[in-house]
PDB file of N, CA and C in Angstrom:
ATOM      1  N   MET A   1       0.834  -1.188   0.000  1.00  0.00           N
ATOM      2  CA  MET A   1       0.000   0.000   0.000  1.00  0.00           C
ATOM      3  C   MET A   1       0.877   1.250   0.000  1.00  0.00           C
ATOM      4  N   PRO A   2       0.697   2.170  -0.957  1.00  0.00           N
ATOM      5  CA  PRO A   2       1.541   3.369  -0.996  1.00  0.00           C
ATOM      6  C   PRO A   2       1.311   4.255   0.230  1.00  0.00           C
ATOM      7  N   ALA A   3       2.399   4.806   0.733  1.00  0.00           N
ATOM      8  CA  ALA A   3       2.320   5.613   1.949  1.00  0.00           C
ATOM      9  C   ALA A   3       1.478   6.865   1.724  1.00  0.00           C
ATOM     10  N   CYS A   4       1.768   7.578   0.636  1.00  0.00           N
ATOM     11  CA  CYS A   4       1.048   8.821   0.391  1.00  0.00           C
ATOM     12  C   CYS A   4       1.223   9.220  -1.068  1.00  0.00           C
ATOM     13  N   ILE A   5       0.141   9.575  -1.715  1.00  0.00           N
ATOM     14  CA  ILE A   5       0.224   9.984  -3.116  1.00  0.00           C
ATOM     15  C   ILE A   5       0.918  11.341  -3.234  1.00  0.00           C
ATOM     16  N   CYS A   6       0.757  12.177  -2.201  1.00  0.00           N
ATOM     17  CA  CYS A   6       1.407  13.498  -2.247  1.00  0.00           C
ATOM     18  C   CYS A   6       2.930  13.350  -2.293  1.00  0.00           C
ATOM     19  N   ASP A   7       3.463  12.271  -1.720  1.00  0.00           N
ATOM     20  CA  ASP A   7       4.892  11.999  -1.781  1.00  0.00           C
ATOM     21  C   ASP A   7       5.329  11.800  -3.230  1.00  0.00           C
ATOM     22  N   GLN A   8       4.496  11.083  -4.007  1.00  0.00           N
ATOM     23  CA  GLN A   8       4.778  10.848  -5.415  1.00  0.00           C
ATOM     24  C   GLN A   8       4.779  12.167  -6.189  1.00  0.00           C
ATOM     25  N   ILE A   9       3.803  13.022  -5.892  1.00  0.00           N
ATOM     26  CA  ILE A   9       3.692  14.306  -6.585  1.00  0.00           C
ATOM     27  C   ILE A   9       4.906  15.176  -6.277  1.00  0.00           C
ATOM     28  N   GLN A  10       5.330  15.191  -5.015  1.00  0.00           N
ATOM     29  CA  GLN A  10       6.506  15.972  -4.648  1.00  0.00           C
ATOM     30  C   GLN A  10       7.742  15.475  -5.382  1.00  0.00           C
ATOM     31  N   LYS A  11       7.868  14.164  -5.511  1.00  0.00           N
ATOM     32  CA  LYS A  11       9.036  13.618  -6.196  1.00  0.00           C
ATOM     33  C   LYS A  11       9.027  13.936  -7.677  1.00  0.00           C
ATOM     34  N   SER A  12       7.847  13.959  -8.298  1.00  0.00           N
ATOM     35  CA  SER A  12       7.797  14.217  -9.737  1.00  0.00           C
ATOM     36  C   SER A  12       7.998  15.695 -10.065  1.00  0.00           C
ATOM     37  N   SER A  13       7.836  16.570  -9.078  1.00  0.00           N
ATOM     38  CA  SER A  13       7.985  18.004  -9.354  1.00  0.00           C
ATOM     39  C   SER A  13       9.409  18.515  -9.076  1.00  0.00           C
ATOM     40  N   GLN A  14      10.324  17.619  -8.744  1.00  0.00           N
ATOM     41  CA  GLN A  14      11.704  18.017  -8.457  1.00  0.00           C
ATOM     42  C   GLN A  14      12.474  18.290  -9.750  1.00  0.00           C
ATOM     43  N   ARG A  15      13.459  19.188  -9.671  1.00  0.00           N
ATOM     44  CA  ARG A  15      14.399  19.389 -10.772  1.00  0.00           C
ATOM     45  C   ARG A  15      15.767  18.943 -10.262  1.00  0.00           C
ATOM     46  N   ILE A  16      16.095  17.701 -10.492  1.00  0.00           N
ATOM     47  CA  ILE A  16      17.308  17.123  -9.927  1.00  0.00           C
ATOM     48  C   ILE A  16      18.437  17.167 -10.949  1.00  0.00           C
ATOM     49  N   LYS A  17      19.610  17.538 -10.464  1.00  0.00           N
ATOM     50  CA  LYS A  17      20.766  17.653 -11.325  1.00  0.00           C
ATOM     51  C   LYS A  17      21.840  16.700 -10.820  1.00  0.00           C
ATOM     52  N   VAL A  18      22.394  15.889 -11.717  1.00  0.00           N
ATOM     53  CA  VAL A  18      23.465  14.950 -11.348  1.00  0.00           C
ATOM     54  C   VAL A  18      24.730  15.389 -12.070  1.00  0.00           C
ATOM     55  N   THR A  19      25.750  15.754 -11.299  1.00  0.00           N
ATOM     56  CA  THR A  19      27.019  16.193 -11.876  1.00  0.00           C
ATOM     57  C   THR A  19      28.158  15.489 -11.164  1.00  0.00           C
ATOM     58  N   SER A  20      29.334  15.532 -11.761  1.00  0.00           N
ATOM     59  CA  SER A  20      30.501  15.006 -11.068  1.00  0.00           C
ATOM     60  C   SER A  20      31.497  16.145 -10.898  1.00  0.00           C
ATOM     61  N   ASP A  21      32.289  16.054  -9.852  1.00  0.00           N
ATOM     62  CA  ASP A  21      33.209  17.118  -9.502  1.00  0.00           C
ATOM     63  C   ASP A  21      34.509  16.491  -9.040  1.00  0.00           C
ATOM     64  N   LYS A  22      35.597  17.193  -9.250  1.00  0.00           N
ATOM     65  CA  LYS A  22      36.886  16.682  -8.814  1.00  0.00           C
ATOM     66  C   LYS A  22      37.284  17.381  -7.524  1.00  0.00           C
ATOM     67  N   LYS A  23      37.468  16.612  -6.480  1.00  0.00           N
ATOM     68  CA  LYS A  23      37.904  17.161  -5.196  1.00  0.00           C
ATOM     69  C   LYS A  23      39.420  17.164  -5.157  1.00  0.00           C
ATOM     70  N   ARG A  24      39.971  17.624  -4.035  1.00  0.00           N
ATOM     71  CA  ARG A  24      41.430  17.660  -3.952  1.00  0.00           C
ATOM     72  C   ARG A  24      41.988  16.235  -3.945  1.00  0.00           C
ATOM     73  N   TYR A  25      43.232  16.112  -4.325  1.00  0.00           N
ATOM     74  CA  TYR A  25      43.927  14.832  -4.504  1.00  0.00           C
ATOM     75  C   TYR A  25      43.340  14.040  -5.677  1.00  0.00           C
ATOM     76  N   GLY A  26      42.598  14.699  -6.569  1.00  0.00           N
ATOM     77  CA  GLY A  26      42.088  14.049  -7.764  1.00  0.00           C
ATOM     78  C   GLY A  26      40.924  13.111  -7.551  1.00  0.00           C
ATOM     79  N   LYS A  27      40.322  13.147  -6.369  1.00  0.00           N
ATOM     80  CA  LYS A  27      39.174  12.269  -6.097  1.00  0.00           C
ATOM     81  C   LYS A  27      37.943  12.818  -6.824  1.00  0.00           C
ATOM     82  N   ILE A  28      37.152  11.927  -7.395  1.00  0.00           N
ATOM     83  CA  ILE A  28      35.937  12.332  -8.097  1.00  0.00           C
ATOM     84  C   ILE A  28      34.729  12.035  -7.217  1.00  0.00           C
ATOM     85  N   VAL A  29      33.805  12.991  -7.127  1.00  0.00           N
ATOM     86  CA  VAL A  29      32.559  12.780  -6.399  1.00  0.00           C
ATOM     87  C   VAL A  29      31.393  13.070  -7.338  1.00  0.00           C
ATOM     88  N   THR A  30      30.300  12.372  -7.124  1.00  0.00           N
ATOM     89  CA  THR A  30      29.073  12.608  -7.872  1.00  0.00           C
ATOM     90  C   THR A  30      28.152  13.430  -6.988  1.00  0.00           C
ATOM     91  N   ILE A  31      27.663  14.555  -7.514  1.00  0.00           N
ATOM     92  CA  ILE A  31      26.804  15.444  -6.739  1.00  0.00           C
ATOM     93  C   ILE A  31      25.388  15.378  -7.283  1.00  0.00           C
ATOM     94  N   VAL A  32      24.447  15.058  -6.390  1.00  0.00           N
ATOM     95  CA  VAL A  32      23.027  15.022  -6.752  1.00  0.00           C
ATOM     96  C   VAL A  32      22.372  16.193  -6.027  1.00  0.00           C
ATOM     97  N   SER A  33      21.890  17.188  -6.778  1.00  0.00           N
ATOM     98  CA  SER A  33      21.342  18.392  -6.152  1.00  0.00           C
ATOM     99  C   SER A  33      19.978  18.718  -6.749  1.00  0.00           C
ATOM    100  N   GLY A  34      19.322  19.697  -6.157  1.00  0.00           N
ATOM    101  CA  GLY A  34      18.041  20.164  -6.672  1.00  0.00           C
ATOM    102  C   GLY A  34      16.844  19.680  -5.885  1.00  0.00           C
ATOM    103  N   PHE A  35      17.070  19.085  -4.711  1.00  0.00           N
ATOM    104  CA  PHE A  35      15.959  18.627  -3.879  1.00  0.00           C
ATOM    105  C   PHE A  35      15.374  19.819  -3.126  1.00  0.00           C
ATOM    106  N   ASP A  36      14.061  19.819  -2.892  1.00  0.00           N
ATOM    107  CA  ASP A  36      13.514  20.870  -2.039  1.00  0.00           C
ATOM    108  C   ASP A  36      13.283  20.312  -0.630  1.00  0.00           C
ATOM    109  N   ASN A  37      12.780  21.138   0.269  1.00  0.00           N
ATOM    110  CA  ASN A  37      12.684  20.776   1.687  1.00  0.00           C
ATOM    111  C   ASN A  37      11.733  19.628   1.977  1.00  0.00           C
ATOM    112  N   SER A  38      10.787  19.368   1.086  1.00  0.00           N
ATOM    113  CA  SER A  38       9.777  18.344   1.365  1.00  0.00           C
ATOM    114  C   SER A  38      10.310  16.916   1.195  1.00  0.00           C
ATOM    115  N   ILE A  39      11.502  16.778   0.627  1.00  0.00           N
ATOM    116  CA  ILE A  39      12.062  15.450   0.363  1.00  0.00           C
ATOM    117  C   ILE A  39      13.036  15.069   1.475  1.00  0.00           C
ATOM    118  N   ASP A  40      12.976  13.801   1.889  1.00  0.00           N
ATOM    119  CA  ASP A  40      13.878  13.288   2.915  1.00  0.00           C
ATOM    120  C   ASP A  40      15.213  12.913   2.259  1.00  0.00           C
ATOM    121  N   ILE A  41      16.147  13.873   2.257  1.00  0.00           N
ATOM    122  CA  ILE A  41      17.417  13.669   1.564  1.00  0.00           C
ATOM    123  C   ILE A  41      18.231  12.555   2.223  1.00  0.00           C
ATOM    124  N   LYS A  42      18.182  12.479   3.547  1.00  0.00           N
ATOM    125  CA  LYS A  42      18.952  11.448   4.258  1.00  0.00           C
ATOM    126  C   LYS A  42      18.577  10.055   3.776  1.00  0.00           C
ATOM    127  N   LYS A  43      17.274   9.821   3.626  1.00  0.00           N
ATOM    128  CA  LYS A  43      16.783   8.515   3.201  1.00  0.00           C
ATOM    129  C   LYS A  43      17.266   8.195   1.783  1.00  0.00           C
ATOM    130  N   ILE A  44      17.200   9.187   0.892  1.00  0.00           N
ATOM    131  CA  ILE A  44      17.627   8.984  -0.490  1.00  0.00           C
ATOM    132  C   ILE A  44      19.127   8.737  -0.549  1.00  0.00           C
ATOM    133  N   ALA A  45      19.897   9.509   0.226  1.00  0.00           N
ATOM    134  CA  ALA A  45      21.345   9.332   0.256  1.00  0.00           C
ATOM    135  C   ALA A  45      21.695   7.924   0.725  1.00  0.00           C
ATOM    136  N   LYS A  46      20.994   7.458   1.751  1.00  0.00           N
ATOM    137  CA  LYS A  46      21.248   6.121   2.282  1.00  0.00           C
ATOM    138  C   LYS A  46      20.974   5.053   1.223  1.00  0.00           C
ATOM    139  N   GLU A  47      19.849   5.205   0.504  1.00  0.00           N
ATOM    140  CA  GLU A  47      19.503   4.266  -0.568  1.00  0.00           C
ATOM    141  C   GLU A  47      20.574   4.252  -1.656  1.00  0.00           C
ATOM    142  N   LEU A  48      20.961   5.458  -2.110  1.00  0.00           N
ATOM    143  CA  LEU A  48      21.948   5.552  -3.191  1.00  0.00           C
ATOM    144  C   LEU A  48      23.281   4.941  -2.762  1.00  0.00           C
ATOM    145  N   LYS A  49      23.707   5.245  -1.526  1.00  0.00           N
ATOM    146  CA  LYS A  49      24.990   4.716  -1.051  1.00  0.00           C
ATOM    147  C   LYS A  49      24.971   3.197  -0.971  1.00  0.00           C
ATOM    148  N   SER A  50      23.867   2.630  -0.496  1.00  0.00           N
ATOM    149  CA  SER A  50      23.830   1.172  -0.385  1.00  0.00           C
ATOM    150  C   SER A  50      23.721   0.514  -1.767  1.00  0.00           C
ATOM    151  N   GLU A  51      22.975   1.120  -2.685  1.00  0.00           N
ATOM    152  CA  GLU A  51      22.840   0.555  -4.034  1.00  0.00           C
ATOM    153  C   GLU A  51      24.152   0.634  -4.821  1.00  0.00           C
ATOM    154  N   LEU A  52      24.865   1.761  -4.657  1.00  0.00           N
ATOM    155  CA  LEU A  52      26.094   1.967  -5.426  1.00  0.00           C
ATOM    156  C   LEU A  52      27.329   1.443  -4.691  1.00  0.00           C
ATOM    157  N   ALA A  53      27.152   0.989  -3.467  1.00  0.00           N
ATOM    158  CA  ALA A  53      28.253   0.478  -2.638  1.00  0.00           C
ATOM    159  C   ALA A  53      29.377   1.495  -2.549  1.00  0.00           C
ATOM    160  N   CYS A  54      29.021   2.711  -2.133  1.00  0.00           N
ATOM    161  CA  CYS A  54      30.030   3.756  -1.997  1.00  0.00           C
ATOM    162  C   CYS A  54      29.712   4.594  -0.768  1.00  0.00           C
ATOM    163  N   GLY A  55      30.672   5.399  -0.365  1.00  0.00           N
ATOM    164  CA  GLY A  55      30.454   6.322   0.738  1.00  0.00           C
ATOM    165  C   GLY A  55      29.873   7.611   0.211  1.00  0.00           C
ATOM    166  N   GLY A  56      29.479   8.485   1.129  1.00  0.00           N
ATOM    167  CA  GLY A  56      28.938   9.756   0.697  1.00  0.00           C
ATOM    168  C   GLY A  56      28.479  10.578   1.870  1.00  0.00           C
ATOM    169  N   THR A  57      28.037  11.788   1.584  1.00  0.00           N
ATOM    170  CA  THR A  57      27.601  12.702   2.629  1.00  0.00           C
ATOM    171  C   THR A  57      26.541  13.637   2.073  1.00  0.00           C
ATOM    172  N   ILE A  58      25.957  14.429   2.974  1.00  0.00           N
ATOM    173  CA  ILE A  58      24.981  15.437   2.571  1.00  0.00           C
ATOM    174  C   ILE A  58      25.536  16.800   2.970  1.00  0.00           C
ATOM    175  N   LYS A  59      25.670  17.684   1.988  1.00  0.00           N
ATOM    176  CA  LYS A  59      26.152  19.039   2.255  1.00  0.00           C
ATOM    177  C   LYS A  59      25.250  20.025   1.531  1.00  0.00           C
ATOM    178  N   ASN A  60      24.757  21.023   2.232  1.00  0.00           N
ATOM    179  CA  ASN A  60      23.943  22.091   1.636  1.00  0.00           C
ATOM    180  C   ASN A  60      22.815  21.554   0.748  1.00  0.00           C
ATOM    181  N   LYS A  61      22.047  20.599   1.256  1.00  0.00           N
ATOM    182  CA  LYS A  61      20.932  19.991   0.516  1.00  0.00           C
ATOM    183  C   LYS A  61      21.376  19.310  -0.772  1.00  0.00           C
ATOM    184  N   GLU A  62      22.630  18.883  -0.827  1.00  0.00           N
ATOM    185  CA  GLU A  62      23.147  18.125  -1.958  1.00  0.00           C
ATOM    186  C   GLU A  62      23.699  16.805  -1.428  1.00  0.00           C
ATOM    187  N   ILE A  63      23.537  15.752  -2.219  1.00  0.00           N
ATOM    188  CA  ILE A  63      24.112  14.459  -1.849  1.00  0.00           C
ATOM    189  C   ILE A  63      25.433  14.320  -2.592  1.00  0.00           C
ATOM    190  N   GLU A  64      26.504  14.065  -1.855  1.00  0.00           N
ATOM    191  CA  GLU A  64      27.810  13.819  -2.457  1.00  0.00           C
ATOM    192  C   GLU A  64      28.128  12.349  -2.323  1.00  0.00           C
ATOM    193  N   LEU A  65      28.351  11.682  -3.450  1.00  0.00           N
ATOM    194  CA  LEU A  65      28.699  10.268  -3.449  1.00  0.00           C
ATOM    195  C   LEU A  65      30.149  10.112  -3.894  1.00  0.00           C
ATOM    196  N   GLN A  66      30.908   9.274  -3.199  1.00  0.00           N
ATOM    197  CA  GLN A  66      32.302   9.069  -3.567  1.00  0.00           C
ATOM    198  C   GLN A  66      32.380   8.251  -4.842  1.00  0.00           C
ATOM    199  N   GLY A  67      33.163   8.727  -5.795  1.00  0.00           N
ATOM    200  CA  GLY A  67      33.333   8.033  -7.069  1.00  0.00           C
ATOM    201  C   GLY A  67      32.438   8.636  -8.148  1.00  0.00           C
ATOM    202  N   ASP A  68      32.677   8.220  -9.389  1.00  0.00           N
ATOM    203  CA  ASP A  68      31.907   8.738 -10.526  1.00  0.00           C
ATOM    204  C   ASP A  68      30.736   7.799 -10.810  1.00  0.00           C
ATOM    205  N   HIS A  69      29.541   8.186 -10.395  1.00  0.00           N
ATOM    206  CA  HIS A  69      28.354   7.357 -10.577  1.00  0.00           C
ATOM    207  C   HIS A  69      27.290   8.076 -11.406  1.00  0.00           C
ATOM    208  N   THR A  70      27.700   9.058 -12.240  1.00  0.00           N
ATOM    209  CA  THR A  70      26.725   9.884 -12.948  1.00  0.00           C
ATOM    210  C   THR A  70      25.764   9.048 -13.796  1.00  0.00           C
ATOM    211  N   LYS A  71      26.249   7.980 -14.411  1.00  0.00           N
ATOM    212  CA  LYS A  71      25.391   7.176 -15.280  1.00  0.00           C
ATOM    213  C   LYS A  71      24.485   6.236 -14.488  1.00  0.00           C
ATOM    214  N   LYS A  72      24.905   5.861 -13.289  1.00  0.00           N
ATOM    215  CA  LYS A  72      24.138   4.886 -12.498  1.00  0.00           C
ATOM    216  C   LYS A  72      23.085   5.542 -11.607  1.00  0.00           C
ATOM    217  N   VAL A  73      23.251   6.828 -11.292  1.00  0.00           N
ATOM    218  CA  VAL A  73      22.353   7.489 -10.341  1.00  0.00           C
ATOM    219  C   VAL A  73      20.950   7.665 -10.912  1.00  0.00           C
ATOM    220  N   LYS A  74      20.843   8.040 -12.194  1.00  0.00           N
ATOM    221  CA  LYS A  74      19.533   8.335 -12.783  1.00  0.00           C
ATOM    222  C   LYS A  74      18.568   7.143 -12.698  1.00  0.00           C
ATOM    223  N   PRO A  75      18.976   5.929 -13.135  1.00  0.00           N
ATOM    224  CA  PRO A  75      18.040   4.793 -13.009  1.00  0.00           C
ATOM    225  C   PRO A  75      17.648   4.505 -11.558  1.00  0.00           C
ATOM    226  N   LEU A  76      18.566   4.724 -10.629  1.00  0.00           N
ATOM    227  CA  LEU A  76      18.258   4.494  -9.216  1.00  0.00           C
ATOM    228  C   LEU A  76      17.242   5.509  -8.703  1.00  0.00           C
ATOM    229  N   LEU A  77      17.390   6.779  -9.113  1.00  0.00           N
ATOM    230  CA  LEU A  77      16.434   7.812  -8.695  1.00  0.00           C
ATOM    231  C   LEU A  77      15.051   7.519  -9.279  1.00  0.00           C
ATOM    232  N   VAL A  78      15.019   7.026 -10.517  1.00  0.00           N
ATOM    233  CA  VAL A  78      13.736   6.664 -11.132  1.00  0.00           C
ATOM    234  C   VAL A  78      13.101   5.531 -10.338  1.00  0.00           C
ATOM    235  N   LYS A  79      13.925   4.561  -9.935  1.00  0.00           N
ATOM    236  CA  LYS A  79      13.431   3.428  -9.150  1.00  0.00           C
ATOM    237  C   LYS A  79      12.891   3.888  -7.785  1.00  0.00           C
ATOM    238  N   LEU A  80      13.470   4.967  -7.255  1.00  0.00           N
ATOM    239  CA  LEU A  80      13.022   5.514  -5.973  1.00  0.00           C
ATOM    240  C   LEU A  80      11.765   6.375  -6.124  1.00  0.00           C
ATOM    241  N   GLY A  81      11.285   6.572  -7.350  1.00  0.00           N
ATOM    242  CA  GLY A  81      10.014   7.265  -7.543  1.00  0.00           C
ATOM    243  C   GLY A  81      10.123   8.659  -8.132  1.00  0.00           C
ATOM    244  N   PHE A  82      11.308   9.066  -8.547  1.00  0.00           N
ATOM    245  CA  PHE A  82      11.457  10.384  -9.165  1.00  0.00           C
ATOM    246  C   PHE A  82      11.141  10.294 -10.648  1.00  0.00           C
ATOM    247  N   ASP A  83      10.703  11.406 -11.239  1.00  0.00           N
ATOM    248  CA  ASP A  83      10.334  11.468 -12.639  1.00  0.00           C
ATOM    249  C   ASP A  83      11.596  11.496 -13.501  1.00  0.00           C
ATOM    250  N   GLU A  84      11.637  10.636 -14.518  1.00  0.00           N
ATOM    251  CA  GLU A  84      12.844  10.561 -15.371  1.00  0.00           C
ATOM    252  C   GLU A  84      13.124  11.888 -16.071  1.00  0.00           C
ATOM    253  N   GLU A  85      12.058  12.602 -16.487  1.00  0.00           N
ATOM    254  CA  GLU A  85      12.241  13.873 -17.194  1.00  0.00           C
ATOM    255  C   GLU A  85      12.806  14.963 -16.284  1.00  0.00           C
ATOM    256  N   SER A  86      12.628  14.815 -14.966  1.00  0.00           N
ATOM    257  CA  SER A  86      13.074  15.873 -14.056  1.00  0.00           C
ATOM    258  C   SER A  86      14.526  15.698 -13.626  1.00  0.00           C
ATOM    259  N   ILE A  87      15.211  14.683 -14.158  1.00  0.00           N
ATOM    260  CA  ILE A  87      16.605  14.436 -13.786  1.00  0.00           C
ATOM    261  C   ILE A  87      17.511  14.800 -14.946  1.00  0.00           C
ATOM    262  N   GLU A  88      18.486  15.657 -14.686  1.00  0.00           N
ATOM    263  CA  GLU A  88      19.437  16.056 -15.735  1.00  0.00           C
ATOM    264  C   GLU A  88      20.758  15.352 -15.514  1.00  0.00           C
TER     265      GLU A  88
END
């Protein structure tokens, strides 16, 4: 039984951006940004980290994942209920 339909609507109205960035020492991180306050970022970060088997953190309403996962994040976000068109 779905928890709440409004949760689905909130997820489909997001404009999520997936980018990769190079940190110091040449480490690459994948940044997932564009969430608004109504979304539980901690829960999504936990899901992404366990699915991708990587570490990560949440900074300034952005999820930072260790490693380059730009191609793998989009299908996972879709699986979590986000709209495919709203992910860049």
